[in-house]
Protein backbone atom coordinates (compact mmCIF):
# COMPACT_ATOMS: atom_id res chain seq x y z
CA MET A 1 -13.41 -16.24 -7.63
CA ALA A 2 -12.76 -19.64 -6.04
CA ALA A 3 -13.86 -19.92 -2.41
CA ILE A 4 -11.13 -19.23 0.14
CA ASP A 5 -11.17 -20.28 3.76
CA PRO A 6 -11.16 -16.94 5.67
CA ALA A 7 -8.99 -18.54 8.37
CA GLN A 8 -6.22 -18.83 5.77
CA LEU A 9 -6.28 -15.06 5.27
CA LEU A 10 -5.76 -13.96 8.86
CA PRO A 11 -2.43 -12.18 9.52
CA ASP A 12 0.56 -14.44 10.11
CA PRO A 13 2.86 -12.89 12.76
CA ALA A 14 5.59 -15.40 11.94
CA LEU A 15 5.60 -14.26 8.31
CA ALA A 16 5.80 -10.59 9.36
CA ARG A 17 8.78 -11.38 11.63
CA GLU A 18 10.49 -13.35 8.84
CA VAL A 19 10.14 -10.48 6.41
CA ALA A 20 11.28 -7.98 9.07
CA ALA A 21 14.41 -10.04 9.74
CA GLU A 22 15.20 -10.12 6.00
CA ARG A 23 14.90 -6.36 5.79
CA ARG A 24 17.02 -5.79 8.92
CA GLU A 25 19.79 -7.96 7.51
CA ARG A 26 19.75 -6.02 4.25
CA ILE A 27 20.02 -2.73 6.14
CA ARG A 28 22.70 -4.05 8.50
CA THR A 29 24.84 -5.26 5.61
CA HIS A 30 24.59 -1.91 3.84
CA ALA A 31 25.40 -0.04 7.05
CA ALA A 32 28.49 -2.17 7.70
CA GLU A 33 29.70 -1.67 4.12
CA SER A 34 29.18 2.08 4.56
CA GLY A 35 31.25 2.21 7.75
CA LEU A 36 28.30 3.07 10.01
CA ASP A 37 27.91 2.04 13.65
CA GLY A 38 24.22 1.39 13.18
CA VAL A 39 20.94 2.69 11.77
CA LEU A 40 18.09 4.48 13.55
CA ILE A 41 14.70 3.76 11.96
CA HIS A 42 11.77 5.91 13.10
CA SER A 43 8.05 5.94 12.28
CA TRP A 44 5.15 8.17 13.18
CA ARG A 45 2.69 7.85 10.29
CA ARG A 46 4.53 5.54 7.92
CA GLY A 47 5.34 1.86 8.26
CA ALA A 48 9.15 1.70 8.26
CA VAL A 49 9.44 0.38 11.82
CA THR A 50 6.67 -2.16 11.22
CA ALA A 51 8.59 -3.28 8.14
CA VAL A 52 11.77 -3.99 10.12
CA SER A 53 10.22 -5.26 13.35
CA GLY A 54 6.83 -6.84 12.64
CA PHE A 55 5.25 -4.59 15.29
CA ALA A 56 2.20 -2.66 14.07
CA ALA A 57 2.02 0.49 16.15
CA GLY A 58 -1.02 2.11 14.54
CA PHE A 59 0.64 5.55 14.35
CA VAL A 60 -2.30 7.76 15.31
CA THR A 61 -0.57 9.34 18.28
CA ASN A 62 2.01 6.60 18.71
CA THR A 63 5.57 6.50 17.43
CA ALA A 64 8.07 3.67 17.23
CA SER A 65 11.80 3.46 16.61
CA LEU A 66 14.36 0.73 16.04
CA TRP A 67 18.07 0.97 16.77
CA LEU A 68 19.88 -1.49 14.51
CA PRO A 69 23.59 -1.75 15.37
CA VAL A 70 25.89 -3.48 12.91
CA ASP A 71 27.47 -5.70 15.60
CA ASP A 72 24.78 -6.23 18.24
CA GLU A 73 21.10 -7.07 18.71
CA PRO A 74 18.44 -4.53 17.69
CA VAL A 75 16.34 -2.63 20.23
CA LEU A 76 12.74 -1.63 19.55
CA GLY A 77 11.45 1.54 21.20
CA VAL A 78 7.77 2.47 21.56
CA ARG A 79 6.39 5.81 22.72
CA PHE A 80 3.89 4.40 25.21
CA SER A 81 5.23 2.06 27.86
CA PHE A 82 1.99 0.08 27.95
CA GLU A 83 2.72 -0.91 24.32
CA ALA A 84 6.06 -2.50 25.20
CA GLU A 85 4.71 -5.95 26.02
CA ARG A 86 2.62 -6.17 22.85
CA ALA A 87 5.51 -4.84 20.76
CA GLY A 88 7.87 -7.43 22.21
CA GLU A 89 5.42 -10.26 21.54
CA GLN A 90 4.82 -9.18 17.94
CA SER A 91 8.45 -8.49 17.08
CA GLY A 92 10.40 -10.96 19.20
CA LEU A 93 12.83 -8.11 19.91
CA ARG A 94 13.98 -6.47 23.13
CA THR A 95 11.56 -3.59 23.60
CA VAL A 96 11.74 -0.45 25.74
CA ALA A 97 9.81 2.81 26.09
CA SER A 98 11.32 5.54 23.91
CA VAL A 99 10.33 8.94 22.55
CA GLY A 100 11.87 9.76 19.19
CA GLY A 101 14.43 6.96 19.33
CA ASP A 102 17.38 9.17 20.28
CA ASP A 103 17.76 7.37 23.62
CA LEU A 104 18.13 3.99 21.90
CA ARG A 105 21.49 4.92 20.41
CA PRO A 106 24.52 4.26 22.62
CA ALA A 107 26.75 7.29 23.16
CA SER A 108 29.64 5.44 21.50
CA ALA A 109 27.79 5.30 18.15
CA ARG A 110 29.06 8.32 16.25
CA ARG A 111 28.35 7.37 12.62
CA ILE A 112 24.64 6.67 12.17
CA GLY A 113 22.30 5.97 9.31
CA VAL A 114 18.72 7.27 9.49
CA ILE A 115 15.62 5.81 7.82
CA CYS A 116 12.51 7.88 8.42
CA GLY A 117 9.57 8.44 6.09
CA ASP A 118 9.71 7.76 2.36
CA THR A 119 9.02 9.32 -1.04
CA ALA A 120 5.59 10.54 0.12
CA VAL A 121 5.96 11.62 3.78
CA SER A 122 9.07 12.83 5.64
CA ASP A 123 7.81 11.63 9.06
CA GLY A 124 9.96 14.25 10.81
CA ARG A 125 13.22 13.13 9.23
CA ALA A 126 14.77 16.61 9.07
CA ALA A 127 14.24 17.19 12.81
CA ILE A 128 15.84 13.85 13.73
CA ILE A 129 18.87 14.51 11.55
CA GLU A 130 19.19 18.03 12.98
CA ARG A 131 19.10 16.72 16.56
CA LEU A 132 21.72 14.07 15.86
CA SER A 133 23.95 16.50 13.98
CA GLY A 134 23.69 18.90 16.94
CA GLU A 135 25.24 16.16 19.07
CA ARG A 136 28.14 16.03 16.59
CA VAL A 137 26.99 12.70 15.20
CA ASP A 138 27.91 11.96 11.59
CA VAL A 139 24.53 11.21 9.97
CA ALA A 140 23.85 9.40 6.69
CA ASP A 141 20.27 9.66 5.40
CA LEU A 142 19.49 6.16 4.08
CA THR A 143 15.82 6.80 3.39
CA SER A 144 16.15 7.08 -0.40
CA TRP A 145 18.37 3.99 -0.46
CA PHE A 146 15.74 2.05 1.51
CA ASP A 147 13.00 3.30 -0.85
CA GLU A 148 14.94 1.73 -3.72
CA GLN A 149 15.42 -1.53 -1.83
CA ARG A 150 11.69 -1.79 -1.20
CA GLU A 151 10.94 -2.24 -4.89
CA ASP A 152 12.50 -5.73 -4.99
CA LYS A 153 10.25 -8.12 -3.06
CA SER A 154 11.37 -11.38 -1.47
CA GLU A 155 9.21 -14.49 -1.76
CA ALA A 156 8.08 -14.00 1.85
CA GLU A 157 7.03 -10.41 1.12
CA ILE A 158 5.13 -11.56 -1.96
CA SER A 159 3.31 -14.14 0.16
CA GLY A 160 2.19 -11.44 2.62
CA LEU A 161 1.15 -9.07 -0.16
CA ARG A 162 -0.83 -11.83 -1.87
CA ARG A 163 -2.71 -12.53 1.35
CA ALA A 164 -3.48 -8.82 1.78
CA ALA A 165 -4.65 -8.63 -1.84
CA HIS A 166 -7.14 -11.44 -1.26
CA VAL A 167 -8.49 -9.67 1.83
CA GLY A 168 -8.92 -6.42 -0.08
CA ASP A 169 -10.64 -8.23 -2.92
CA LEU A 170 -13.12 -9.94 -0.59
CA ALA A 171 -13.76 -6.69 1.25
CA LEU A 172 -14.81 -4.86 -1.92
CA ARG A 173 -17.20 -7.66 -2.79
CA ALA A 174 -19.05 -6.91 0.45
CA ALA A 175 -20.37 -3.77 -1.27
CA SER A 176 -22.91 -5.99 -3.05
CA ALA A 177 -25.09 -5.31 0.02
CA ALA A 178 -25.47 -1.64 -1.00
CA ALA A 179 -29.12 -0.64 -1.44
CA THR A 180 -30.92 2.40 -2.81
CA GLY A 181 -31.18 4.97 -0.04
CA ASP A 182 -27.98 3.89 1.71
CA THR A 183 -25.43 6.57 2.53
CA ASP A 184 -21.80 6.32 1.55
CA PHE A 185 -21.09 5.78 5.25
CA THR A 186 -23.07 2.53 5.09
CA VAL A 187 -21.29 1.30 1.96
CA ALA A 188 -17.87 2.05 3.48
CA MET A 189 -18.98 0.27 6.65
CA HIS A 190 -19.70 -2.95 4.74
CA VAL A 191 -16.29 -2.89 3.05
CA GLU A 192 -14.24 -1.88 6.09
CA ALA A 193 -16.03 -4.34 8.38
CA ARG A 194 -15.23 -7.19 6.02
CA ALA A 195 -11.58 -6.19 5.83
CA ARG A 196 -11.26 -5.90 9.60
CA SER A 197 -13.04 -9.22 10.16
CA LEU A 198 -10.23 -10.78 8.12
CA GLY A 199 -7.55 -9.15 10.25
CA ALA A 200 -6.88 -5.77 8.62
CA MET A 201 -5.35 -3.34 11.09
CA ARG A 202 -6.18 -0.27 9.02
CA ALA A 203 -8.92 -0.13 6.41
CA GLU A 204 -10.14 3.06 4.72
CA CYS A 205 -12.81 2.82 2.05
CA LEU A 206 -13.36 5.73 -0.37
CA VAL A 207 -16.72 5.98 -2.13
CA GLY A 208 -18.37 7.83 -5.02
CA PHE A 209 -22.04 7.59 -6.10
CA GLY A 210 -23.26 8.17 -9.66
CA ARG A 211 -21.79 9.58 -12.85
CA GLY A 212 -19.02 12.13 -12.76
CA THR A 213 -18.43 11.80 -9.01
CA VAL A 214 -15.06 11.69 -7.30
CA VAL A 215 -14.20 8.64 -5.21
CA THR A 216 -13.43 10.17 -1.82
CA GLU A 217 -14.03 9.95 1.92
CA PRO A 218 -17.67 9.25 2.83
CA HIS A 219 -19.52 12.48 3.60
CA GLY A 220 -23.21 11.58 3.71
CA ALA A 221 -24.14 11.18 0.03
CA THR A 222 -27.22 9.03 -0.63
CA LEU A 223 -27.34 6.23 -3.21
CA ALA A 224 -30.06 6.81 -5.81
CA ASP A 225 -31.81 4.10 -7.77
CA GLY A 226 -29.61 3.07 -10.71
CA ASP A 227 -26.44 4.77 -9.43
CA ALA A 228 -23.12 3.05 -9.97
CA ILE A 229 -20.65 3.18 -7.08
CA GLY A 230 -16.91 3.74 -7.30
CA LEU A 231 -14.83 2.18 -4.53
CA GLU A 232 -11.24 2.27 -3.34
CA LEU A 233 -9.87 0.42 -0.32
CA ASN A 234 -6.52 1.28 1.27
CA MET A 235 -5.60 -1.29 3.86
CA VAL A 236 -2.80 -2.63 6.05
CA HIS A 237 -3.01 -6.35 6.81
CA GLY A 238 -0.35 -8.17 8.80
CA GLY A 239 2.20 -5.47 7.98
CA PHE A 240 1.47 -5.55 4.22
CA PHE A 241 -0.39 -2.92 2.23
CA SER A 242 -3.14 -3.41 -0.32
CA HIS A 243 -4.76 -0.91 -2.65
CA VAL A 244 -7.81 -2.11 -4.61
CA GLN A 245 -10.63 -0.53 -6.61
CA ALA A 246 -13.95 -1.73 -8.07
CA THR A 247 -17.16 -0.45 -9.58
CA VAL A 248 -20.51 -1.50 -8.13
CA LEU A 249 -23.23 -1.66 -10.79
CA PRO A 250 -26.98 -2.04 -10.53
CA GLU A 251 -28.37 -5.37 -11.72
CA GLU A 252 -29.27 -3.82 -15.08
CA PRO A 253 -26.57 -1.27 -15.96
CA ASP A 254 -27.13 0.96 -18.97
CA ASP A 255 -24.83 1.13 -21.99
CA ILE A 256 -22.79 4.06 -20.66
CA GLU A 257 -22.01 2.28 -17.39
CA ALA A 258 -21.11 -0.96 -19.16
CA ARG A 259 -18.87 0.92 -21.63
CA ALA A 260 -17.07 2.74 -18.83
CA VAL A 261 -16.27 -0.45 -16.94
CA ASP A 262 -15.13 -2.21 -20.12
CA LEU A 263 -12.80 0.64 -21.11
CA ALA A 264 -11.31 0.91 -17.62
CA ARG A 265 -10.69 -2.84 -17.60
CA ARG A 266 -9.13 -2.81 -21.08
CA ALA A 267 -6.86 0.15 -20.31
CA ARG A 268 -5.70 -1.46 -17.06
CA ASN A 269 -5.10 -4.79 -18.84
CA ALA A 270 -2.95 -2.99 -21.43
CA VAL A 271 -0.78 -1.51 -18.68
CA VAL A 272 -0.48 -4.86 -16.90
CA SER A 273 0.49 -6.61 -20.16
CA ALA A 274 3.28 -4.06 -20.70
CA LEU A 275 4.79 -4.46 -17.22
CA LYS A 276 7.92 -6.52 -17.83
CA PRO A 277 11.43 -6.17 -16.39
CA GLY A 278 13.43 -3.61 -18.33
CA VAL A 279 10.42 -1.93 -19.94
CA PRO A 280 10.36 1.87 -19.43
CA VAL A 281 7.57 2.95 -17.12
CA GLY A 282 6.44 5.51 -19.69
CA ALA A 283 5.93 2.79 -22.30
CA ALA A 284 3.58 0.89 -19.98
CA VAL A 285 1.63 4.07 -19.27
CA ARG A 286 1.30 4.85 -22.97
CA ALA A 287 -0.13 1.38 -23.60
CA GLY A 288 -3.03 2.20 -21.29
CA ASP A 289 -3.41 5.73 -22.60
CA ALA A 290 -3.71 4.38 -26.16
CA ILE A 291 -6.85 2.44 -25.21
CA LEU A 292 -8.50 5.52 -23.78
CA GLU A 293 -7.38 7.70 -26.69
CA SER A 294 -8.86 5.29 -29.23
CA ALA A 295 -12.21 5.58 -27.40
CA GLY A 296 -12.01 9.38 -27.28
CA LEU A 297 -11.81 9.38 -23.48
CA SER A 298 -8.27 10.57 -22.76
CA ALA A 299 -9.65 13.63 -21.00
CA ALA A 300 -11.78 11.40 -18.74
CA LYS A 301 -8.76 9.62 -17.25
CA GLU A 302 -8.77 10.13 -13.49
CA TYR A 303 -5.57 9.72 -11.44
CA ASP A 304 -2.51 7.93 -12.80
CA PHE A 305 -2.30 4.21 -13.59
CA GLY A 306 -0.84 3.26 -10.21
CA HIS A 307 2.33 2.76 -8.20
CA GLY A 308 4.28 0.22 -6.22
CA ILE A 309 3.07 -1.07 -2.86
CA GLY A 310 4.73 -3.00 -0.05
CA PHE A 311 4.46 -2.20 3.62
CA ASP A 312 3.06 1.22 2.68
CA THR A 313 2.01 3.26 -0.33
CA PRO A 314 3.15 4.65 -2.66
CA GLU A 315 6.41 2.91 -3.47
CA HIS A 316 8.49 2.83 -6.65
CA PRO A 317 7.59 2.76 -9.47
CA ARG A 318 5.03 5.52 -10.00
CA LEU A 319 3.24 4.82 -13.31
CA LEU A 320 3.72 8.26 -14.83
CA THR A 321 4.44 9.12 -18.47
CA ASP A 322 7.47 11.26 -17.62
CA SER A 323 9.08 8.67 -15.31
CA ASP A 324 12.73 7.87 -16.05
CA ARG A 325 12.52 4.47 -14.33
CA THR A 326 12.23 1.00 -15.80
CA ILE A 327 10.12 -1.87 -14.50
CA ARG A 328 11.96 -4.30 -12.25
CA GLY A 329 11.26 -7.96 -11.64
CA SER A 330 9.88 -9.14 -8.28
CA SER A 331 8.06 -5.85 -7.79
CA VAL A 332 4.43 -5.50 -6.76
CA VAL A 333 2.50 -2.68 -8.41
CA ALA A 334 -1.07 -1.55 -7.75
CA VAL A 335 -2.41 -0.91 -11.25
CA HIS A 336 -5.73 0.89 -11.64
CA CYS A 337 -7.74 2.87 -14.14
CA GLY A 338 -10.28 5.51 -13.21
CA LEU A 339 -12.62 7.28 -15.62
CA ARG A 340 -14.77 10.29 -14.76
CA ARG A 341 -16.80 12.34 -17.20
CA PRO A 342 -19.65 14.61 -16.07
CA GLU A 343 -22.90 12.74 -16.68
CA GLY A 344 -20.90 10.25 -18.71
CA GLU A 345 -18.48 7.35 -18.42
CA THR A 346 -17.48 6.84 -14.78
CA ALA A 347 -15.70 3.72 -13.53
CA TYR A 348 -12.82 2.62 -11.34
CA THR A 349 -11.08 -0.73 -11.19
CA GLY A 350 -7.68 -2.00 -10.09
CA GLY A 351 -5.54 -4.07 -7.80
CA PRO A 352 -1.98 -5.29 -7.17
CA VAL A 353 0.04 -7.26 -9.71
CA LEU A 354 3.32 -9.15 -9.38
CA VAL A 355 6.00 -8.55 -12.00
CA ARG A 356 8.10 -11.56 -12.99
CA ALA A 357 10.53 -12.17 -15.84
CA ALA A 358 7.71 -13.28 -18.15
CA GLY A 359 5.48 -10.33 -17.26
CA ALA A 360 2.90 -9.27 -14.71
CA SER A 361 -0.13 -11.04 -13.30
CA ASP A 362 -2.72 -10.20 -10.66
CA LEU A 363 -1.98 -11.36 -7.12
CA VAL A 364 -5.61 -12.53 -6.98
CA ASP A 365 -6.48 -15.13 -9.63
CA GLU A 366 -9.87 -13.64 -10.52
CA PRO A 367 -9.73 -10.08 -9.16
CA VAL A 368 -12.89 -8.12 -8.56
CA ILE A 369 -13.70 -5.68 -11.37
CA VAL A 370 -17.43 -5.25 -11.02
CA VAL A 371 -19.65 -5.85 -8.00
CA THR A 372 -23.35 -6.24 -8.71
CA ARG A 373 -25.78 -4.75 -6.22
CA THR A 374 -28.10 -7.41 -4.85
CA ARG A 375 -30.62 -5.02 -3.29
């Protein structure tokens, strides 16, 4: 991979605010067309409020909400008052302390849209809708609509996702420092430290040592001489998500390890080559499955082939055989292939791709597939 100046990969708050403003305008237009007074957006674990404000709350014990009226300026609410100044600086919006967001809505607003959670996590959506309905407010749940909107990325969003992809790629390469006798805690430390040094707000590295092992949270496993390492990094950088995988090999991998990595790469490449606007998701999945079937390793396929990413994960489309969706242009999809066979072929590789009219290509020009241990 060509050298990149790390300073060029640090988060760009102006880009996050630009993307947030685009998303707010899209929501505001839809709300006005739907006859709503405004939309309440709420986050606890998921990134919806970050997506529409540019403020990264962290969401461990924090919550954040945004009241977006159709005919007035938005108001950002944060649970902890000491966060208000930082939230205002990051978002450029008027910011107040708020718990749950209910107090952001003016009493005169009687028809309200709600965006809370997504296809993976509800984020307390039912409770918010119940509270509003109890106040005789007419509530429209716009969460599914917003999930659909997220699939189509603007050029500014693509720019942020490309930057995050580069950070994730560089972070996985830091695993070259892994040495025999290291624990999985140490390997994850190398990867997460590199991601955070480049501005990642959240970085969680999953690790698996040796053949037939699951890539999961570090738990104290020790790296033996000759072990391959499976890695996955899930990361939020500047309000944009990245999801990348790689296999770390010893300097002299054996034939089984080399075969596993080659098959995982070929299956992933087949999926990526099939990702074109209008193509059924199932057809792209079958292209990857055909590679594994021809090698007699269908049963070794671990996980699916991926899913969309944006400000969080997963997004549409999910790369599943039974999906009824088609691929859309200007979408960003994390495509990966994992293999796991007891005492046999074990590998994991993947990263985000951008779908255009002519097809899909990796957001990183030369994405990491294999990391070679240097110690």
